Amino acid sequence: GPVDLSTFLNHGLSDNEMRDLSVTFYGSSAINRQKLGLLALSSATLILSLVLA
């Protein structure tokens, strides 16, 4: 059946993968974090515009 999103977010990644993601994110430069934030923001804006359209 369809995967519940919260279940996927909680259990879809192993501890090692989560740690790697954390290291990648927090270990990256502020510029990369800023880019990632802008990407997330633009993605959220796009999704919202599609949902509300």
Protein backbone atom coordinates (compact mmCIF):
# COMPACT_ATOMS: atom_id res chain seq x y z
CA GLY A 1 0.00 0.00 0.00
CA PRO A 2 0.94 3.66 -0.03
CA VAL A 3 3.64 4.72 2.39
CA ASP A 4 2.57 7.17 5.09
CA LEU A 5 4.78 10.23 4.77
CA SER A 6 5.51 10.57 8.49
CA THR A 7 6.38 6.88 8.68
CA PHE A 8 8.72 7.27 5.72
CA LEU A 9 10.37 10.33 7.27
CA ASN A 10 10.77 8.56 10.61
CA HIS A 11 11.88 5.15 9.36
CA GLY A 12 12.76 5.56 5.70
CA LEU A 13 16.38 6.41 6.46
CA SER A 14 18.72 4.39 8.63
CA ASP A 15 20.61 6.03 11.49
CA ASN A 16 23.80 6.02 9.43
CA GLU A 17 22.08 7.72 6.52
CA MET A 18 20.58 10.32 8.83
CA ARG A 19 24.00 10.96 10.37
CA ASP A 20 25.57 11.28 6.92
CA LEU A 21 22.89 13.76 5.93
CA SER A 22 23.46 15.74 9.12
CA VAL A 23 27.21 15.82 8.59
CA THR A 24 26.74 16.80 4.96
CA PHE A 25 24.33 19.57 5.88
CA TYR A 26 25.94 20.98 9.01
CA GLY A 27 29.46 20.35 7.79
CA SER A 28 28.91 22.28 4.59
CA SER A 29 29.70 25.95 4.27
CA ALA A 30 27.17 28.63 5.12
CA ILE A 31 26.89 29.40 1.41
CA ASN A 32 25.82 25.84 0.64
CA ARG A 33 23.32 25.91 3.50
CA GLN A 34 21.95 29.18 2.15
CA LYS A 35 21.58 27.65 -1.32
CA LEU A 36 19.84 24.63 0.16
CA GLY A 37 17.51 26.88 2.13
CA LEU A 38 16.64 28.88 -0.98
CA LEU A 39 16.02 25.66 -2.90
CA ALA A 40 13.74 24.36 -0.16
CA LEU A 41 11.91 27.68 -0.01
CA SER A 42 11.39 27.85 -3.77
CA SER A 43 10.26 24.21 -3.81
CA ALA A 44 7.76 24.86 -1.03
CA THR A 45 6.51 27.96 -2.84
CA LEU A 46 6.07 25.99 -6.06
CA ILE A 47 4.21 23.17 -4.29
CA LEU A 48 1.95 25.64 -2.50
CA SER A 49 1.17 27.47 -5.73
CA LEU A 50 0.25 24.16 -7.37
CA VAL A 51 -1.90 23.09 -4.42
CA LEU A 52 -3.67 26.44 -4.18
CA ALA A 53 -4.05 26.95 -7.92
